[in-house]
Amino acid sequence: MFKNVDTKELLERVKANDAKIIDCREIYEFEEGHIPGSINMPTSNFLKYINLINKDEHYYIICLTGSRSFMVARYLDAQGYKVSNISGGIITYPGEISTE
């Protein structure tokens, strides 16, 4: 079972360079601002990108508020992936946000 992680814990992982982040918001949302180094894999087309995920690595799944990321994390967990859902989403993330 995956766990929910708050954005403060995610920020600690980012600062330690120990976070692989999948942002499951739509492309236009991702372009408006995202956590540097995160990978955009929109929920609406998620299965198109699933082959980019390695089952041996842990991923933090984020969206705007935590709803879409919860669904994606639940799906990936059921498929045997190591994931955590970021509760609160990017709107509560206290770290750097990039538009590049």
N, C-alpha and C. Protein backbone atom coordinates (compact mmCIF):
# COMPACT_ATOMS: atom_id res chain seq x y z
N MET A 1 0.84 -1.19 0.00
CA MET A 1 0.00 0.00 0.00
C MET A 1 0.88 1.24 0.00
N PHE A 2 0.56 2.16 -0.88
CA PHE A 2 1.32 3.41 -0.95
C PHE A 2 0.95 4.29 0.23
N LYS A 3 1.81 5.27 0.50
CA LYS A 3 1.50 6.19 1.60
C LYS A 3 1.33 7.60 1.06
N ASN A 4 0.67 8.41 1.84
CA ASN A 4 0.53 9.82 1.53
C ASN A 4 1.65 10.58 2.24
N VAL A 5 2.27 11.48 1.52
CA VAL A 5 3.38 12.28 2.04
C VAL A 5 3.00 13.74 1.86
N ASP A 6 3.29 14.57 2.86
CA ASP A 6 2.97 15.98 2.69
C ASP A 6 4.09 16.69 1.93
N THR A 7 3.82 17.91 1.51
CA THR A 7 4.76 18.63 0.67
C THR A 7 6.02 19.04 1.42
N LYS A 8 5.95 19.18 2.73
CA LYS A 8 7.16 19.50 3.50
C LYS A 8 8.15 18.34 3.45
N GLU A 9 7.64 17.11 3.57
CA GLU A 9 8.51 15.94 3.48
C GLU A 9 9.08 15.82 2.06
N LEU A 10 8.26 16.11 1.06
CA LEU A 10 8.75 16.08 -0.31
C LEU A 10 9.88 17.08 -0.50
N LEU A 11 9.72 18.27 0.05
CA LEU A 11 10.75 19.30 -0.07
C LEU A 11 12.06 18.82 0.55
N GLU A 12 11.99 18.13 1.69
CA GLU A 12 13.20 17.58 2.31
C GLU A 12 13.88 16.60 1.36
N ARG A 13 13.10 15.75 0.71
CA ARG A 13 13.65 14.78 -0.26
C ARG A 13 14.26 15.48 -1.47
N VAL A 14 13.59 16.54 -1.94
CA VAL A 14 14.11 17.30 -3.08
C VAL A 14 15.45 17.92 -2.71
N LYS A 15 15.53 18.54 -1.53
CA LYS A 15 16.78 19.17 -1.08
C LYS A 15 17.90 18.15 -0.94
N ALA A 16 17.56 16.91 -0.58
CA ALA A 16 18.56 15.84 -0.44
C ALA A 16 18.83 15.16 -1.78
N ASN A 17 18.21 15.67 -2.83
CA ASN A 17 18.34 15.08 -4.17
C ASN A 17 17.94 13.61 -4.17
N ASP A 18 16.86 13.32 -3.45
CA ASP A 18 16.40 11.95 -3.26
C ASP A 18 14.91 11.82 -3.60
N ALA A 19 14.49 12.46 -4.70
CA ALA A 19 13.08 12.39 -5.06
C ALA A 19 12.90 12.33 -6.56
N LYS A 20 12.30 11.26 -7.02
CA LYS A 20 11.87 11.16 -8.41
C LYS A 20 10.39 11.51 -8.40
N ILE A 21 10.06 12.60 -9.08
CA ILE A 21 8.71 13.15 -9.01
C ILE A 21 8.00 13.01 -10.36
N ILE A 22 6.80 12.47 -10.30
CA ILE A 22 5.93 12.43 -11.48
C ILE A 22 4.80 13.41 -11.23
N ASP A 23 4.69 14.40 -12.11
CA ASP A 23 3.62 15.40 -12.04
C ASP A 23 2.55 14.96 -13.03
N CYS A 24 1.39 14.60 -12.51
CA CYS A 24 0.35 14.04 -13.38
C CYS A 24 -0.68 15.08 -13.83
N ARG A 25 -0.33 16.36 -13.70
CA ARG A 25 -1.22 17.40 -14.23
C ARG A 25 -1.09 17.47 -15.75
N GLU A 26 -2.04 18.13 -16.36
CA GLU A 26 -2.01 18.29 -17.81
C GLU A 26 -0.83 19.16 -18.23
N ILE A 27 -0.44 19.06 -19.49
CA ILE A 27 0.75 19.75 -19.99
C ILE A 27 0.69 21.26 -19.72
N TYR A 28 -0.46 21.89 -19.98
CA TYR A 28 -0.56 23.34 -19.78
C TYR A 28 -0.39 23.70 -18.30
N GLU A 29 -0.86 22.84 -17.39
CA GLU A 29 -0.69 23.09 -15.96
C GLU A 29 0.79 22.97 -15.57
N PHE A 30 1.44 21.94 -16.09
CA PHE A 30 2.86 21.71 -15.82
C PHE A 30 3.68 22.89 -16.30
N GLU A 31 3.37 23.41 -17.48
CA GLU A 31 4.11 24.53 -18.04
C GLU A 31 3.92 25.81 -17.24
N GLU A 32 2.79 25.93 -16.52
CA GLU A 32 2.55 27.11 -15.69
C GLU A 32 3.44 27.12 -14.45
N GLY A 33 3.96 25.96 -14.06
CA GLY A 33 4.86 25.88 -12.92
C GLY A 33 4.91 24.47 -12.36
N HIS A 34 6.14 24.00 -12.12
CA HIS A 34 6.34 22.63 -11.63
C HIS A 34 7.61 22.57 -10.79
N ILE A 35 7.78 21.47 -10.09
CA ILE A 35 8.98 21.26 -9.29
C ILE A 35 10.11 20.91 -10.26
N PRO A 36 11.22 21.64 -10.20
CA PRO A 36 12.34 21.35 -11.11
C PRO A 36 12.74 19.88 -11.05
N GLY A 37 12.94 19.30 -12.22
CA GLY A 37 13.35 17.91 -12.31
C GLY A 37 12.21 16.91 -12.35
N SER A 38 10.98 17.39 -12.14
CA SER A 38 9.85 16.47 -12.18
C SER A 38 9.53 16.10 -13.62
N ILE A 39 8.88 14.95 -13.78
CA ILE A 39 8.51 14.43 -15.09
C ILE A 39 7.01 14.62 -15.25
N ASN A 40 6.59 15.20 -16.37
CA ASN A 40 5.17 15.40 -16.63
C ASN A 40 4.59 14.17 -17.33
N MET A 41 3.62 13.53 -16.68
CA MET A 41 2.91 12.38 -17.22
C MET A 41 1.42 12.59 -16.96
N PRO A 42 0.74 13.38 -17.83
CA PRO A 42 -0.65 13.75 -17.59
C PRO A 42 -1.57 12.55 -17.35
N THR A 43 -2.44 12.69 -16.38
CA THR A 43 -3.40 11.65 -16.03
C THR A 43 -4.24 11.25 -17.24
N SER A 44 -4.62 12.23 -18.05
CA SER A 44 -5.50 11.95 -19.19
C SER A 44 -4.88 11.02 -20.22
N ASN A 45 -3.56 10.88 -20.18
CA ASN A 45 -2.86 10.05 -21.16
C ASN A 45 -1.77 9.23 -20.47
N PHE A 46 -2.00 8.89 -19.21
CA PHE A 46 -0.97 8.31 -18.37
C PHE A 46 -0.39 7.00 -18.90
N LEU A 47 -1.22 6.12 -19.40
CA LEU A 47 -0.73 4.82 -19.85
C LEU A 47 0.24 4.92 -21.02
N LYS A 48 0.19 6.03 -21.74
CA LYS A 48 1.13 6.26 -22.84
C LYS A 48 2.56 6.37 -22.31
N TYR A 49 2.71 6.83 -21.06
CA TYR A 49 4.02 7.10 -20.48
C TYR A 49 4.49 6.05 -19.48
N ILE A 50 3.67 5.09 -19.16
CA ILE A 50 3.98 4.17 -18.06
C ILE A 50 5.28 3.40 -18.27
N ASN A 51 5.68 3.21 -19.51
CA ASN A 51 6.93 2.49 -19.77
C ASN A 51 8.16 3.29 -19.35
N LEU A 52 8.00 4.55 -19.01
CA LEU A 52 9.11 5.38 -18.54
C LEU A 52 9.41 5.17 -17.06
N ILE A 53 8.54 4.43 -16.38
CA ILE A 53 8.69 4.24 -14.94
C ILE A 53 9.37 2.91 -14.65
N ASN A 54 10.34 2.95 -13.78
CA ASN A 54 11.10 1.76 -13.39
C ASN A 54 10.52 1.20 -12.09
N LYS A 55 10.13 -0.05 -12.08
CA LYS A 55 9.53 -0.66 -10.89
C LYS A 55 10.51 -0.77 -9.72
N ASP A 56 11.80 -0.63 -9.98
CA ASP A 56 12.79 -0.73 -8.92
C ASP A 56 13.04 0.59 -8.20
N GLU A 57 12.47 1.67 -8.70
CA GLU A 57 12.68 2.98 -8.10
C GLU A 57 11.40 3.49 -7.46
N HIS A 58 11.56 4.40 -6.50
CA HIS A 58 10.43 4.99 -5.81
C HIS A 58 10.09 6.34 -6.44
N TYR A 59 8.80 6.60 -6.62
CA TYR A 59 8.35 7.84 -7.23
C TYR A 59 7.34 8.55 -6.33
N TYR A 60 7.41 9.87 -6.36
CA TYR A 60 6.44 10.72 -5.66
C TYR A 60 5.51 11.29 -6.72
N ILE A 61 4.22 11.08 -6.53
CA ILE A 61 3.22 11.48 -7.53
C ILE A 61 2.53 12.74 -7.03
N ILE A 62 2.52 13.77 -7.87
CA ILE A 62 1.93 15.05 -7.47
C ILE A 62 1.00 15.57 -8.56
N CYS A 63 0.00 16.33 -8.13
CA CYS A 63 -0.89 17.04 -9.05
C CYS A 63 -1.18 18.40 -8.41
N LEU A 64 -2.29 19.01 -8.74
CA LEU A 64 -2.59 20.33 -8.18
C LEU A 64 -2.96 20.26 -6.70
N THR A 65 -3.88 19.34 -6.34
CA THR A 65 -4.38 19.29 -4.96
C THR A 65 -4.18 17.94 -4.27
N GLY A 66 -3.83 16.91 -5.02
CA GLY A 66 -3.65 15.58 -4.44
C GLY A 66 -4.71 14.58 -4.86
N SER A 67 -5.72 15.00 -5.60
CA SER A 67 -6.78 14.09 -6.03
C SER A 67 -6.36 13.20 -7.19
N ARG A 68 -5.89 13.80 -8.27
CA ARG A 68 -5.46 13.01 -9.42
C ARG A 68 -4.25 12.15 -9.05
N SER A 69 -3.33 12.72 -8.28
CA SER A 69 -2.14 11.96 -7.90
C SER A 69 -2.52 10.77 -7.03
N PHE A 70 -3.56 10.89 -6.22
CA PHE A 70 -4.03 9.76 -5.42
C PHE A 70 -4.49 8.63 -6.33
N MET A 71 -5.25 8.96 -7.36
CA MET A 71 -5.73 7.93 -8.30
C MET A 71 -4.56 7.28 -9.04
N VAL A 72 -3.61 8.08 -9.49
CA VAL A 72 -2.45 7.54 -10.21
C VAL A 72 -1.61 6.68 -9.27
N ALA A 73 -1.38 7.15 -8.05
CA ALA A 73 -0.60 6.38 -7.08
C ALA A 73 -1.28 5.05 -6.76
N ARG A 74 -2.59 5.08 -6.60
CA ARG A 74 -3.33 3.85 -6.32
C ARG A 74 -3.19 2.86 -7.47
N TYR A 75 -3.29 3.35 -8.70
CA TYR A 75 -3.14 2.48 -9.87
C TYR A 75 -1.74 1.89 -9.93
N LEU A 76 -0.72 2.75 -9.80
CA LEU A 76 0.66 2.27 -9.89
C LEU A 76 0.99 1.29 -8.78
N ASP A 77 0.50 1.56 -7.59
CA ASP A 77 0.71 0.64 -6.46
C ASP A 77 0.13 -0.73 -6.77
N ALA A 78 -1.06 -0.76 -7.34
CA ALA A 78 -1.71 -2.03 -7.69
C ALA A 78 -0.94 -2.79 -8.77
N GLN A 79 -0.15 -2.05 -9.57
CA GLN A 79 0.65 -2.67 -10.62
C GLN A 79 2.05 -3.06 -10.13
N GLY A 80 2.32 -2.82 -8.86
CA GLY A 80 3.61 -3.22 -8.29
C GLY A 80 4.69 -2.15 -8.27
N TYR A 81 4.33 -0.90 -8.54
CA TYR A 81 5.29 0.19 -8.51
C TYR A 81 5.43 0.74 -7.08
N LYS A 82 6.57 1.31 -6.78
CA LYS A 82 6.84 1.93 -5.48
C LYS A 82 6.52 3.42 -5.59
N VAL A 83 5.46 3.85 -4.94
CA VAL A 83 5.02 5.24 -5.07
C VAL A 83 4.52 5.81 -3.74
N SER A 84 4.53 7.12 -3.68
CA SER A 84 3.89 7.87 -2.60
C SER A 84 3.07 8.97 -3.24
N ASN A 85 1.90 9.22 -2.70
CA ASN A 85 1.05 10.32 -3.14
C ASN A 85 1.42 11.57 -2.35
N ILE A 86 1.50 12.70 -3.03
CA ILE A 86 1.77 13.97 -2.35
C ILE A 86 0.44 14.61 -2.01
N SER A 87 0.06 14.52 -0.74
CA SER A 87 -1.20 15.10 -0.31
C SER A 87 -1.06 16.62 -0.25
N GLY A 88 -2.10 17.30 -0.64
CA GLY A 88 -2.08 18.75 -0.68
C GLY A 88 -1.69 19.30 -2.05
N GLY A 89 -0.96 18.50 -2.82
CA GLY A 89 -0.58 18.89 -4.17
C GLY A 89 0.40 20.04 -4.25
N ILE A 90 0.65 20.44 -5.47
CA ILE A 90 1.66 21.46 -5.72
C ILE A 90 1.25 22.82 -5.16
N ILE A 91 -0.04 23.05 -4.97
CA ILE A 91 -0.45 24.35 -4.42
C ILE A 91 0.02 24.55 -2.99
N THR A 92 0.40 23.46 -2.31
CA THR A 92 0.91 23.60 -0.94
C THR A 92 2.43 23.38 -0.86
N TYR A 93 3.07 23.20 -2.00
CA TYR A 93 4.51 22.92 -2.02
C TYR A 93 5.30 24.19 -1.66
N PRO A 94 6.12 24.13 -0.60
CA PRO A 94 6.83 25.33 -0.15
C PRO A 94 8.17 25.59 -0.85
N GLY A 95 8.55 24.73 -1.78
CA GLY A 95 9.84 24.87 -2.44
C GLY A 95 9.77 25.62 -3.76
N GLU A 96 10.87 25.54 -4.49
CA GLU A 96 11.00 26.24 -5.77
C GLU A 96 10.07 25.65 -6.82
N ILE A 97 9.46 26.54 -7.59
CA ILE A 97 8.61 26.16 -8.70
C ILE A 97 9.22 26.79 -9.95
N SER A 98 9.31 26.01 -11.02
CA SER A 98 9.93 26.47 -12.25
C SER A 98 8.92 26.48 -13.40
N THR A 99 9.14 27.35 -14.37
CA THR A 99 8.32 27.35 -15.58
C THR A 99 9.14 26.91 -16.78
N GLU A 100 10.36 26.49 -16.54
CA GLU A 100 11.24 26.03 -17.62
C GLU A 100 11.19 24.54 -17.78
